[in-house]
Amino acid sequence: MKELMTKIKTFFFSTKAPKPWEWIILGILIAIPFLSYFYGDTMSIVNYEVGFMGAVKNYGGWTSYYEYMKYLVESDPFGFGSHNYAYATYDFPMYIVLGIWGIPLWIFCGSKGLDVNAFYLARIYGKSVLPAALAVSAVLIYSICKELRLSRQQAGWGAFLFASSMCVFTAIGINGQTDILGIPFILLGLRAYIRRRRIPFVLWFMIAVMFKMYAFFIFAPLLLLAEKKLWKIGGSVAAVWALKVVQAVIFSPHSPAMAIKQQFELEIYNRLTVNRFPFVNGDVPTVLVLIILLCVYCYLHKEIEDVEEFHKYAVWVPMTAMVGLFISFESSSYWYLHLCPYLALMLVYNTANLKNNVLFETAGLIAVTLSNYGSRPWAFEIYGCHNMLLEKFFGNYNAVEEAYLLEQFAHRVSIVKYVGALNAVFVVTMLAFVWMNMPEKTGHETEKSIRGYAYARLFLNAAVAYIPLALFVYNLLFLA
C-alpha cells in the first residue's frame, strides 16, 4: 500500500508533459456533453453551413448568401420550419469557414432537399467544426509557449489547461457556439507579435476582427506597446479594418439582409456598452474606458528591448484586455471562452504563483458559469439533450410528463438568489489574477509540477459542466 501511494504521489508531482491517455480522458469528458447537447443556436449554425452551398448553387452565388439566409428564414421553402434558420449576422469570413466545412452536409442532405438537422450524425458533423478549431487553438497555445521559451513539458500543459478550461466545456460542449472559430487567428497574430513580425501580426488580426470584434481589443494595446510612431499606428489600424471595407463594397449595406446584420451589430455594441460611468451630465461606457486606459498605459510604456520583459507583456496585455472586457458587462456564457487562452498561458508562464493562479482562475470561471445557470438557464436547459446521445441510453425525453428543469434547480439551490454574488466573485478573482500576474511579479520555475493542479481543475470544471446533463438523466430515470 505504501508503495502504491508513493507511485501515485510521484505521478502527480511529475513535471512530465500530459500523456496521450490523459488527453484521451480530457477528450472523453468534453465529448460527452458535445455529443449530448444540441443548443438551439447550433441548429442555425449547421444551417449556415448548408446554406452556403445553397446560395452558390440555387440563389445567384456566394455574394447572395446574406439574402439567401433571409429568404430561408422568411419563406421556409423546404418546409423544415422557420425556427431552423437564422438571419446571417456575422461577417462573411465566418460563413466561408462554415460553408467549406458544410460541403459534405450539402452533398448528402442539402442538395437532396433533406433537413440536415433531422439526422443525428449530420448534427454531430456540423458541430464538429468547433472541436476542430479547439484542437488547432490548443496546438497554437503549445507553439506560443515554445516561443515564450517554455519547456516542451510546460508547453504541453499550457495546451492541456486551455482545452480543459471551464468555458471550453460550456461554449463547445454545451452551447455549441462559433466563438472558437476566430480564436486560432488571434493566436496566430499573437505568435507573430511575440516573434516581432509586424506584417503577419497585422494580417492575422485583420482576419480575426472579422470573426469577433473582441480581437481588436487585443490588437490595439499590443500595437501601442510595440509602436510609438503615430503614422505607423494609424497605418496598422487602417490595415486591420481593411477587410471590413472590402466586405462593405461586395455586400451592399443598403440591402435588406445587410440592414438586419447592421441592426444585430448595433444591438451587440449596445449590450457591450450598457454599463457606464457617470460623467458630468451624461455617462461613458465602462468597457471603452477600461480598454482605452490599457491602450494609454501601453502607449506610454517605454519601448521594450529585453526579450523576457517583452514576453511577459505579450502574455499579460491580451489577458488584461479580455478581463477588462468581460468584467464590464454581463456576457453570454459562451463569450467568456475568449478569456481562456490567455489565462491558460499565464498559468504556465507564471509558475512561481501557480497555486494561487489556478485557485483564482478556477473559482472565477466556475462562479460566472453558475451565475449563467441562474440568469441564462435557457442556454444550458436540459431539453437541449433531446434526440441526442443520452437519450439513446436512458430513454425518451418525451416520456417525461413534467420535467424538472435547470431553471427550477437554480432556484431550488439558491443560484438565482446569489447571481450577483457569483458575478462579484468573478470580477474580483479576475482583477486579482491580473494584479498577481503583473509583468514585474511574474516568475518562472522550470521544474514546477503542474499535473496535480491540472487534475483538480479539470474535474471541478467537468463537475460543474455536467450539472445540466445530470438533471437530464434524473428526469429520464425518475420522472418518465
Protein backbone atom coordinates (compact mmCIF):
# COMPACT_ATOMS: atom_id res chain seq x y z
CA MET A 1 0.00 0.00 0.00
CA LYS A 2 2.80 2.37 0.88
CA GLU A 3 4.49 1.60 -2.41
CA LEU A 4 1.25 2.36 -4.29
CA MET A 5 0.85 5.69 -2.51
CA THR A 6 4.44 6.55 -3.35
CA LYS A 7 3.81 5.82 -7.04
CA ILE A 8 0.66 7.97 -7.02
CA LYS A 9 2.49 10.82 -5.33
CA THR A 10 5.37 10.52 -7.78
CA PHE A 11 2.95 10.61 -10.70
CA PHE A 12 1.11 13.73 -9.54
CA PHE A 13 4.31 15.57 -8.72
CA SER A 14 5.92 14.64 -12.02
CA THR A 15 6.97 17.51 -14.31
CA LYS A 16 6.45 15.46 -17.47
CA ALA A 17 4.07 16.62 -20.21
CA PRO A 18 0.49 15.26 -20.39
CA LYS A 19 0.49 11.70 -21.64
CA PRO A 20 -1.66 10.57 -24.61
CA TRP A 21 -4.08 8.74 -22.30
CA GLU A 22 -4.57 11.92 -20.29
CA TRP A 23 -5.54 13.74 -23.48
CA ILE A 24 -7.95 10.87 -24.21
CA ILE A 25 -9.60 11.30 -20.79
CA LEU A 26 -9.96 15.02 -21.45
CA GLY A 27 -11.37 14.30 -24.90
CA ILE A 28 -13.97 11.93 -23.46
CA LEU A 29 -15.01 14.46 -20.80
CA ILE A 30 -15.57 17.10 -23.50
CA ALA A 31 -17.15 14.64 -25.95
CA ILE A 32 -19.93 13.54 -23.58
CA PRO A 33 -21.65 16.96 -23.40
CA PHE A 34 -20.69 17.67 -27.02
CA LEU A 35 -22.49 14.53 -28.22
CA SER A 36 -25.37 15.03 -25.79
CA TYR A 37 -26.37 18.65 -26.45
CA PHE A 38 -27.82 20.47 -29.43
CA TYR A 39 -28.48 24.04 -28.37
CA GLY A 40 -30.98 26.00 -30.48
CA ASP A 41 -28.35 28.33 -31.95
CA THR A 42 -26.32 25.31 -33.06
CA MET A 43 -29.19 24.32 -35.33
CA SER A 44 -28.84 27.68 -37.08
CA ILE A 45 -25.06 27.23 -37.35
CA VAL A 46 -25.48 23.87 -39.10
CA ASN A 47 -27.94 25.52 -41.49
CA TYR A 48 -25.40 28.27 -42.14
CA GLU A 49 -23.04 25.52 -43.28
CA VAL A 50 -25.55 24.02 -45.70
CA GLY A 51 -26.88 27.42 -46.76
CA PHE A 52 -23.51 28.49 -48.15
CA MET A 53 -23.61 25.95 -50.96
CA GLY A 54 -27.34 26.53 -51.27
CA ALA A 55 -26.65 30.17 -52.11
CA VAL A 56 -23.87 29.21 -54.53
CA LYS A 57 -25.98 26.64 -56.38
CA ASN A 58 -29.51 27.98 -56.13
CA TYR A 59 -29.54 31.68 -55.39
CA GLY A 60 -27.07 33.56 -57.55
CA GLY A 61 -23.69 32.71 -55.99
CA TRP A 62 -21.81 33.39 -52.79
CA THR A 63 -22.42 37.15 -52.94
CA SER A 64 -26.13 36.44 -52.39
CA TYR A 65 -25.52 34.49 -49.17
CA TYR A 66 -27.00 37.06 -46.78
CA GLU A 67 -30.11 37.45 -48.93
CA TYR A 68 -30.43 33.67 -49.26
CA MET A 69 -30.43 33.14 -45.50
CA LYS A 70 -33.03 35.89 -45.14
CA TYR A 71 -35.14 34.11 -47.76
CA LEU A 72 -34.91 30.82 -45.82
CA VAL A 73 -35.96 32.48 -42.55
CA GLU A 74 -38.92 34.28 -44.04
CA SER A 75 -40.12 31.73 -46.61
CA ASP A 76 -39.14 28.29 -45.25
CA PRO A 77 -39.15 26.93 -48.85
CA PHE A 78 -38.31 23.35 -47.80
CA GLY A 79 -40.94 23.13 -45.07
CA PHE A 80 -38.46 22.36 -42.28
CA GLY A 81 -39.83 25.12 -40.04
CA SER A 82 -38.56 28.70 -39.95
CA HIS A 83 -37.19 28.06 -36.42
CA ASN A 84 -34.47 26.01 -38.14
CA TYR A 85 -32.92 29.12 -39.65
CA ALA A 86 -31.44 32.43 -38.54
CA TYR A 87 -30.51 35.59 -40.38
CA ALA A 88 -26.84 35.79 -41.37
CA THR A 89 -25.47 38.43 -38.98
CA TYR A 90 -21.73 37.70 -38.85
CA ASP A 91 -19.02 38.94 -41.18
CA PHE A 92 -18.51 36.86 -44.29
CA PRO A 93 -15.24 35.04 -43.40
CA MET A 94 -17.19 33.19 -40.70
CA TYR A 95 -19.53 31.82 -43.35
CA ILE A 96 -16.65 30.87 -45.63
CA VAL A 97 -15.27 28.61 -42.89
CA LEU A 98 -18.70 27.19 -42.09
CA GLY A 99 -19.55 26.77 -45.77
CA ILE A 100 -16.38 24.84 -46.57
CA TRP A 101 -16.91 22.60 -43.54
CA GLY A 102 -20.52 22.07 -44.58
CA ILE A 103 -19.85 20.86 -48.13
CA PRO A 104 -20.39 17.18 -47.15
CA LEU A 105 -23.68 18.16 -45.49
CA TRP A 106 -24.76 19.87 -48.69
CA ILE A 107 -23.83 16.84 -50.80
CA PHE A 108 -25.66 14.29 -48.63
CA CYS A 109 -28.57 16.40 -47.35
CA GLY A 110 -28.92 19.91 -48.70
CA SER A 111 -28.70 19.06 -52.39
CA LYS A 112 -31.40 16.40 -51.90
CA GLY A 113 -33.81 18.69 -50.07
CA LEU A 114 -33.32 16.92 -46.73
CA ASP A 115 -33.35 18.67 -43.36
CA VAL A 116 -29.77 18.32 -42.15
CA ASN A 117 -30.85 18.80 -38.53
CA ALA A 118 -33.12 15.74 -38.70
CA PHE A 119 -30.10 13.37 -38.65
CA TYR A 120 -28.01 12.78 -35.54
CA LEU A 121 -24.74 12.14 -37.40
CA ALA A 122 -25.28 15.20 -39.59
CA ARG A 123 -25.78 17.31 -36.47
CA ILE A 124 -22.60 15.97 -34.93
CA TYR A 125 -20.59 16.52 -38.10
CA GLY A 126 -21.92 20.07 -38.40
CA LYS A 127 -20.92 20.79 -34.79
CA SER A 128 -17.52 19.14 -35.17
CA VAL A 129 -16.06 22.28 -36.74
CA LEU A 130 -15.92 23.55 -33.15
CA PRO A 131 -13.66 20.86 -31.60
CA ALA A 132 -11.57 21.02 -34.78
CA ALA A 133 -10.96 24.72 -34.11
CA LEU A 134 -10.33 23.88 -30.44
CA ALA A 135 -7.63 21.40 -31.46
CA VAL A 136 -5.98 23.98 -33.73
CA SER A 137 -6.10 26.54 -30.91
CA ALA A 138 -4.52 24.09 -28.46
CA VAL A 139 -1.69 23.43 -30.92
CA LEU A 140 -1.16 27.17 -31.26
CA ILE A 141 -1.10 27.58 -27.47
CA TYR A 142 1.66 24.95 -27.43
CA SER A 143 3.52 26.84 -30.18
CA ILE A 144 3.19 30.16 -28.35
CA CYS A 145 4.55 28.55 -25.17
CA LYS A 146 7.58 27.40 -27.12
CA GLU A 147 8.02 30.94 -28.48
CA LEU A 148 7.97 32.11 -24.86
CA ARG A 149 10.91 29.74 -24.26
CA LEU A 150 8.96 27.38 -22.04
CA SER A 151 9.94 23.73 -21.96
CA ARG A 152 8.17 21.12 -24.07
CA GLN A 153 6.55 19.76 -20.92
CA GLN A 154 5.17 23.11 -19.82
CA ALA A 155 4.02 23.94 -23.36
CA GLY A 156 2.08 20.68 -23.30
CA TRP A 157 0.43 21.67 -20.05
CA GLY A 158 -0.40 25.09 -21.50
CA ALA A 159 -2.37 23.41 -24.28
CA PHE A 160 -3.98 20.99 -21.81
CA LEU A 161 -5.02 23.75 -19.41
CA PHE A 162 -6.62 25.70 -22.23
CA ALA A 163 -8.51 22.68 -23.59
CA SER A 164 -9.77 21.82 -20.08
CA SER A 165 -10.97 25.34 -19.26
CA MET A 166 -14.41 25.77 -17.73
CA CYS A 167 -15.60 27.74 -20.74
CA VAL A 168 -14.47 25.07 -23.20
CA PHE A 169 -16.93 22.68 -21.58
CA THR A 170 -19.76 25.20 -21.76
CA ALA A 171 -19.07 27.04 -25.04
CA ILE A 172 -18.14 23.98 -27.10
CA GLY A 173 -19.58 21.06 -25.17
CA ILE A 174 -22.98 22.55 -24.34
CA ASN A 175 -23.70 25.83 -26.14
CA GLY A 176 -22.05 24.77 -29.42
CA GLN A 177 -21.26 28.34 -30.48
CA THR A 178 -18.85 29.69 -33.11
CA ASP A 179 -16.68 31.86 -30.84
CA ILE A 180 -13.86 29.31 -31.03
CA LEU A 181 -13.55 29.78 -34.80
CA GLY A 182 -11.88 33.18 -34.54
CA ILE A 183 -9.50 32.27 -31.72
CA PRO A 184 -6.91 30.49 -33.94
CA PHE A 185 -6.45 33.70 -35.94
CA ILE A 186 -5.94 35.75 -32.77
CA LEU A 187 -3.39 33.21 -31.54
CA LEU A 188 -1.59 33.26 -34.90
CA GLY A 189 -1.43 37.05 -34.59
CA LEU A 190 -0.14 36.80 -31.03
CA ARG A 191 2.54 34.32 -32.08
CA ALA A 192 3.64 36.68 -34.87
CA TYR A 193 3.75 39.52 -32.32
CA ILE A 194 5.98 37.51 -29.97
CA ARG A 195 8.25 36.84 -32.94
CA ARG A 196 8.25 40.61 -33.60
CA ARG A 197 6.93 40.11 -37.12
CA ARG A 198 4.75 43.16 -37.68
CA ILE A 199 3.18 42.36 -41.06
CA PRO A 200 1.93 38.84 -40.15
CA PHE A 201 0.74 40.27 -36.82
CA VAL A 202 -1.43 42.82 -38.62
CA LEU A 203 -2.63 40.37 -41.28
CA TRP A 204 -3.75 37.71 -38.82
CA PHE A 205 -5.64 40.26 -36.75
CA MET A 206 -7.17 41.65 -39.93
CA ILE A 207 -8.83 38.23 -40.32
CA ALA A 208 -9.52 37.81 -36.60
CA VAL A 209 -11.59 41.00 -36.27
CA MET A 210 -13.91 39.64 -38.96
CA PHE A 211 -14.83 36.79 -36.63
CA LYS A 212 -15.19 38.82 -33.43
CA MET A 213 -14.60 42.48 -32.70
CA TYR A 214 -13.00 41.45 -29.40
CA ALA A 215 -9.82 40.75 -31.37
CA PHE A 216 -9.32 44.47 -31.84
CA PHE A 217 -9.31 44.97 -28.07
CA ILE A 218 -6.21 42.75 -28.01
CA PHE A 219 -4.62 44.12 -31.16
CA ALA A 220 -4.78 47.80 -30.18
CA PRO A 221 -2.88 47.68 -26.84
CA LEU A 222 -0.32 45.22 -28.23
CA LEU A 223 0.33 47.54 -31.18
CA LEU A 224 0.68 50.57 -28.89
CA LEU A 225 3.09 48.69 -26.65
CA ALA A 226 5.42 47.96 -29.57
CA GLU A 227 4.93 51.03 -31.80
CA LYS A 228 5.20 54.70 -30.83
CA LYS A 229 5.15 56.41 -34.25
CA LEU A 230 1.66 57.71 -34.88
CA TRP A 231 1.72 57.25 -38.66
CA LYS A 232 2.66 53.58 -38.27
CA ILE A 233 -0.05 53.11 -35.65
CA GLY A 234 -2.61 54.68 -37.95
CA GLY A 235 -1.50 52.57 -40.91
CA SER A 236 -1.68 49.34 -38.91
CA VAL A 237 -5.15 50.14 -37.56
CA ALA A 238 -6.39 51.01 -41.06
CA ALA A 239 -4.96 47.73 -42.39
CA VAL A 240 -6.71 45.70 -39.69
CA TRP A 241 -10.07 47.10 -40.77
CA ALA A 242 -9.36 46.69 -44.49
CA LEU A 243 -11.41 43.51 -44.87
CA LYS A 244 -14.39 45.27 -43.33
CA VAL A 245 -14.14 47.86 -46.12
CA VAL A 246 -13.84 45.16 -48.78
CA GLN A 247 -16.89 43.41 -47.37
CA ALA A 248 -18.89 46.66 -47.46
CA VAL A 249 -18.01 47.02 -51.16
CA ILE A 250 -19.02 43.45 -52.04
CA PHE A 251 -22.20 43.34 -49.97
CA SER A 252 -24.29 46.47 -50.30
CA PRO A 253 -25.01 47.90 -46.83
CA HIS A 254 -28.38 49.11 -48.15
CA SER A 255 -29.74 45.65 -48.93
CA PRO A 256 -32.49 44.32 -46.59
CA ALA A 257 -30.34 41.41 -45.37
CA MET A 258 -27.37 43.66 -44.59
CA ALA A 259 -29.68 46.08 -42.77
CA ILE A 260 -30.61 43.19 -40.46
CA LYS A 261 -26.91 42.44 -39.94
CA GLN A 262 -26.20 46.08 -39.09
CA GLN A 263 -29.07 46.13 -36.61
CA PHE A 264 -27.68 43.00 -34.94
CA GLU A 265 -24.22 44.59 -34.69
CA LEU A 266 -25.75 47.69 -33.12
CA GLU A 267 -27.56 45.54 -30.55
CA ILE A 268 -24.30 43.77 -29.66
CA TYR A 269 -22.48 47.10 -29.33
CA ASN A 270 -25.25 48.43 -27.09
CA ARG A 271 -25.00 45.32 -24.97
CA LEU A 272 -21.24 45.74 -24.62
CA THR A 273 -21.64 49.35 -23.55
CA VAL A 274 -24.74 49.03 -21.36
CA ASN A 275 -22.78 49.60 -18.13
CA ARG A 276 -21.49 53.16 -17.86
CA PHE A 277 -19.58 55.53 -15.62
CA PRO A 278 -21.39 58.80 -14.80
CA PHE A 279 -19.73 61.79 -16.42
CA VAL A 280 -20.91 65.40 -15.98
CA ASN A 281 -24.48 65.37 -17.36
CA GLY A 282 -24.10 62.05 -19.15
CA ASP A 283 -22.12 58.84 -18.94
CA VAL A 284 -19.38 56.89 -20.72
CA PRO A 285 -19.21 53.12 -21.47
CA THR A 286 -17.28 51.20 -18.84
CA VAL A 287 -15.73 48.79 -21.35
CA LEU A 288 -14.34 51.59 -23.52
CA VAL A 289 -12.87 53.39 -20.50
CA LEU A 290 -11.08 50.21 -19.38
CA ILE A 291 -9.77 49.29 -22.84
CA ILE A 292 -8.64 52.86 -23.59
CA LEU A 293 -6.88 53.03 -20.23
CA LEU A 294 -4.96 49.88 -21.15
CA CYS A 295 -4.12 51.36 -24.55
CA VAL A 296 -2.80 54.57 -22.95
CA TYR A 297 -0.74 52.54 -20.47
CA CYS A 298 0.81 50.54 -23.32
CA TYR A 299 1.49 53.62 -25.44
CA LEU A 300 3.18 55.48 -22.58
CA HIS A 301 5.29 52.45 -21.65
CA LYS A 302 8.84 52.66 -22.87
CA GLU A 303 9.86 50.56 -25.85
CA ILE A 304 10.83 47.10 -24.65
CA GLU A 305 14.16 45.74 -25.80
CA ASP A 306 14.64 42.91 -23.31
CA VAL A 307 13.22 39.68 -24.71
CA GLU A 308 12.00 38.28 -21.40
CA GLU A 309 10.22 41.50 -20.46
CA PHE A 310 8.64 41.63 -23.92
CA HIS A 311 7.33 38.09 -23.44
CA LYS A 312 5.82 38.99 -20.07
CA TYR A 313 3.87 41.86 -21.58
CA ALA A 314 2.86 39.79 -24.63
CA VAL A 315 1.04 37.42 -22.26
CA TRP A 316 -0.22 39.97 -19.74
CA VAL A 317 -1.68 42.56 -22.15
CA PRO A 318 -4.14 40.24 -24.04
CA MET A 319 -5.21 38.69 -20.75
CA THR A 320 -5.81 42.10 -19.18
CA ALA A 321 -7.72 43.32 -22.24
CA MET A 322 -10.11 40.36 -22.09
CA VAL A 323 -10.54 40.65 -18.33
CA GLY A 324 -11.33 44.35 -18.74
CA LEU A 325 -13.88 43.48 -21.40
CA PHE A 326 -15.70 40.72 -19.54
CA ILE A 327 -15.89 42.36 -16.12
CA SER A 328 -17.60 45.38 -17.69
CA PHE A 329 -20.89 43.78 -18.75
CA GLU A 330 -22.92 40.58 -18.35
CA SER A 331 -21.79 38.44 -21.26
CA SER A 332 -23.38 35.45 -22.92
CA SER A 333 -21.97 32.28 -21.40
CA TYR A 334 -20.02 31.27 -24.50
CA TRP A 335 -18.31 34.65 -24.97
CA TYR A 336 -16.20 34.03 -21.86
CA LEU A 337 -14.30 31.49 -23.96
CA HIS A 338 -12.23 34.44 -25.21
CA LEU A 339 -10.65 34.73 -21.77
CA CYS A 340 -9.37 31.18 -21.66
CA PRO A 341 -6.34 31.14 -23.99
CA TYR A 342 -4.64 33.97 -22.10
CA LEU A 343 -5.49 32.70 -18.64
CA ALA A 344 -4.06 29.30 -19.60
CA LEU A 345 -0.90 30.90 -20.99
CA MET A 346 -0.39 32.79 -17.76
CA LEU A 347 -0.91 29.65 -15.67
CA VAL A 348 2.12 28.01 -17.27
CA TYR A 349 4.15 31.19 -17.74
CA ASN A 350 3.99 32.41 -14.13
CA THR A 351 4.53 29.07 -12.45
CA ALA A 352 6.04 30.81 -9.43
CA ASN A 353 2.47 31.68 -8.47
CA LEU A 354 0.80 28.56 -9.88
CA LYS A 355 -1.23 27.60 -6.81
CA ASN A 356 -2.93 30.97 -6.41
CA ASN A 357 -3.36 31.41 -10.15
CA VAL A 358 -5.15 28.07 -10.51
CA LEU A 359 -7.28 28.83 -7.46
CA PHE A 360 -8.42 32.26 -8.69
CA GLU A 361 -8.87 31.25 -12.34
CA THR A 362 -10.91 28.16 -11.44
CA ALA A 363 -13.03 29.93 -8.83
CA GLY A 364 -13.73 32.87 -11.12
CA LEU A 365 -14.82 30.89 -14.17
CA ILE A 366 -16.88 28.42 -12.12
CA ALA A 367 -18.59 31.36 -10.40
CA VAL A 368 -19.55 33.02 -13.67
CA THR A 369 -20.75 29.68 -15.08
CA LEU A 370 -23.00 29.08 -12.08
CA SER A 371 -24.20 32.66 -12.44
CA ASN A 372 -25.18 31.90 -16.02
CA TYR A 373 -27.06 28.80 -14.87
CA GLY A 374 -29.14 31.16 -12.76
CA SER A 375 -29.52 34.15 -15.07
CA ARG A 376 -29.49 32.46 -18.50
CA PRO A 377 -30.70 28.88 -17.90
CA TRP A 378 -32.16 28.52 -21.39
CA ALA A 379 -28.63 28.36 -22.82
CA PHE A 380 -27.99 25.15 -20.80
CA GLU A 381 -31.51 23.79 -20.40
CA ILE A 382 -31.99 20.04 -20.35
CA TYR A 383 -34.27 19.92 -23.39
CA GLY A 384 -31.14 20.61 -25.44
CA CYS A 385 -30.33 16.92 -24.85
CA HIS A 386 -33.48 15.78 -26.68
CA ASN A 387 -32.69 13.44 -29.62
CA MET A 388 -29.01 13.35 -28.67
CA LEU A 389 -26.65 10.79 -27.12
CA LEU A 390 -28.03 10.45 -23.59
CA GLU A 391 -31.50 9.60 -24.91
CA LYS A 392 -30.03 6.57 -26.65
CA PHE A 393 -29.02 5.17 -23.24
CA PHE A 394 -31.60 6.45 -20.78
CA GLY A 395 -34.89 6.73 -22.67
CA ASN A 396 -37.05 9.26 -24.48
CA TYR A 397 -37.39 12.80 -23.10
CA ASN A 398 -40.92 12.98 -24.49
CA ALA A 399 -41.93 10.38 -21.88
CA VAL A 400 -41.27 12.90 -19.10
CA GLU A 401 -44.65 14.36 -18.17
CA GLU A 402 -43.43 17.25 -16.02
CA ALA A 403 -39.75 17.96 -16.44
CA TYR A 404 -37.55 19.24 -13.62
CA LEU A 405 -35.63 21.97 -15.44
CA LEU A 406 -32.30 23.63 -14.77
CA GLU A 407 -34.19 26.86 -14.10
CA GLN A 408 -36.09 25.17 -11.26
CA PHE A 409 -32.89 23.60 -9.92
CA ALA A 410 -31.16 27.00 -9.94
CA HIS A 411 -34.00 28.44 -7.84
CA ARG A 412 -34.02 25.41 -5.53
CA VAL A 413 -30.32 25.63 -4.62
CA SER A 414 -30.39 29.46 -4.48
CA ILE A 415 -28.15 30.04 -7.51
CA VAL A 416 -30.66 32.61 -8.78
CA LYS A 417 -30.64 34.35 -5.42
CA TYR A 418 -26.87 34.68 -5.44
CA VAL A 419 -26.26 35.56 -9.10
CA GLY A 420 -24.99 38.98 -8.06
CA ALA A 421 -22.61 37.48 -5.52
CA LEU A 422 -21.31 34.96 -8.06
CA ASN A 423 -20.67 37.76 -10.55
CA ALA A 424 -18.85 39.67 -7.82
CA VAL A 425 -16.62 36.63 -7.22
CA PHE A 426 -15.85 36.53 -10.95
CA VAL A 427 -14.95 40.22 -11.11
CA VAL A 428 -12.77 40.17 -8.00
CA THR A 429 -10.93 36.94 -8.89
CA MET A 430 -10.20 38.20 -12.42
CA LEU A 431 -8.93 41.55 -11.15
CA ALA A 432 -6.80 39.73 -8.59
CA PHE A 433 -5.48 37.46 -11.36
CA VAL A 434 -4.42 40.50 -13.39
CA TRP A 435 -2.75 42.07 -10.36
CA MET A 436 -0.96 38.86 -9.28
CA ASN A 437 0.47 38.45 -12.77
CA MET A 438 1.72 41.96 -13.45
CA PRO A 439 4.92 41.64 -15.50
CA GLU A 440 7.11 42.70 -12.58
CA LYS A 441 5.50 39.96 -10.43
CA THR A 442 5.95 37.18 -12.97
CA GLY A 443 8.41 34.40 -12.22
CA HIS A 444 9.07 31.13 -13.97
CA GLU A 445 10.08 27.86 -12.30
CA THR A 446 11.17 25.27 -14.85
CA GLU A 447 10.76 22.30 -12.51
CA LYS A 448 7.30 23.20 -11.21
CA SER A 449 4.85 20.30 -11.26
CA ILE A 450 1.53 21.23 -12.89
CA ARG A 451 -0.24 17.85 -13.12
CA GLY A 452 -1.89 17.81 -9.69
CA TYR A 453 -3.35 21.31 -10.13
CA ALA A 454 -4.46 20.47 -13.67
CA TYR A 455 -6.34 17.38 -12.49
CA ALA A 456 -8.12 19.19 -9.64
CA ARG A 457 -9.11 21.98 -12.01
CA LEU A 458 -10.24 19.57 -14.74
CA PHE A 459 -12.57 17.57 -12.54
CA LEU A 460 -14.02 20.65 -10.83
CA ASN A 461 -14.77 22.18 -14.23
CA ALA A 462 -16.29 18.94 -15.53
CA ALA A 463 -18.43 18.54 -12.41
CA VAL A 464 -19.98 21.99 -12.88
CA ALA A 465 -20.44 21.48 -16.64
CA TYR A 466 -22.17 18.14 -16.06
CA ILE A 467 -24.91 19.55 -13.79
CA PRO A 468 -27.40 20.03 -16.68
CA LEU A 469 -26.59 16.55 -18.03
CA ALA A 470 -27.14 15.02 -14.60
CA LEU A 471 -30.52 16.76 -14.39
CA PHE A 472 -31.47 15.39 -17.80
CA VAL A 473 -30.63 11.82 -16.75
CA TYR A 474 -32.51 12.35 -13.48
CA ASN A 475 -35.60 13.33 -15.47
CA LEU A 476 -35.38 10.22 -17.65
CA LEU A 477 -34.75 7.82 -14.79
CA PHE A 478 -37.17 9.15 -12.17
CA LEU A 479 -39.77 11.36 -13.88
CA ALA A 480 -40.50 9.45 -17.08
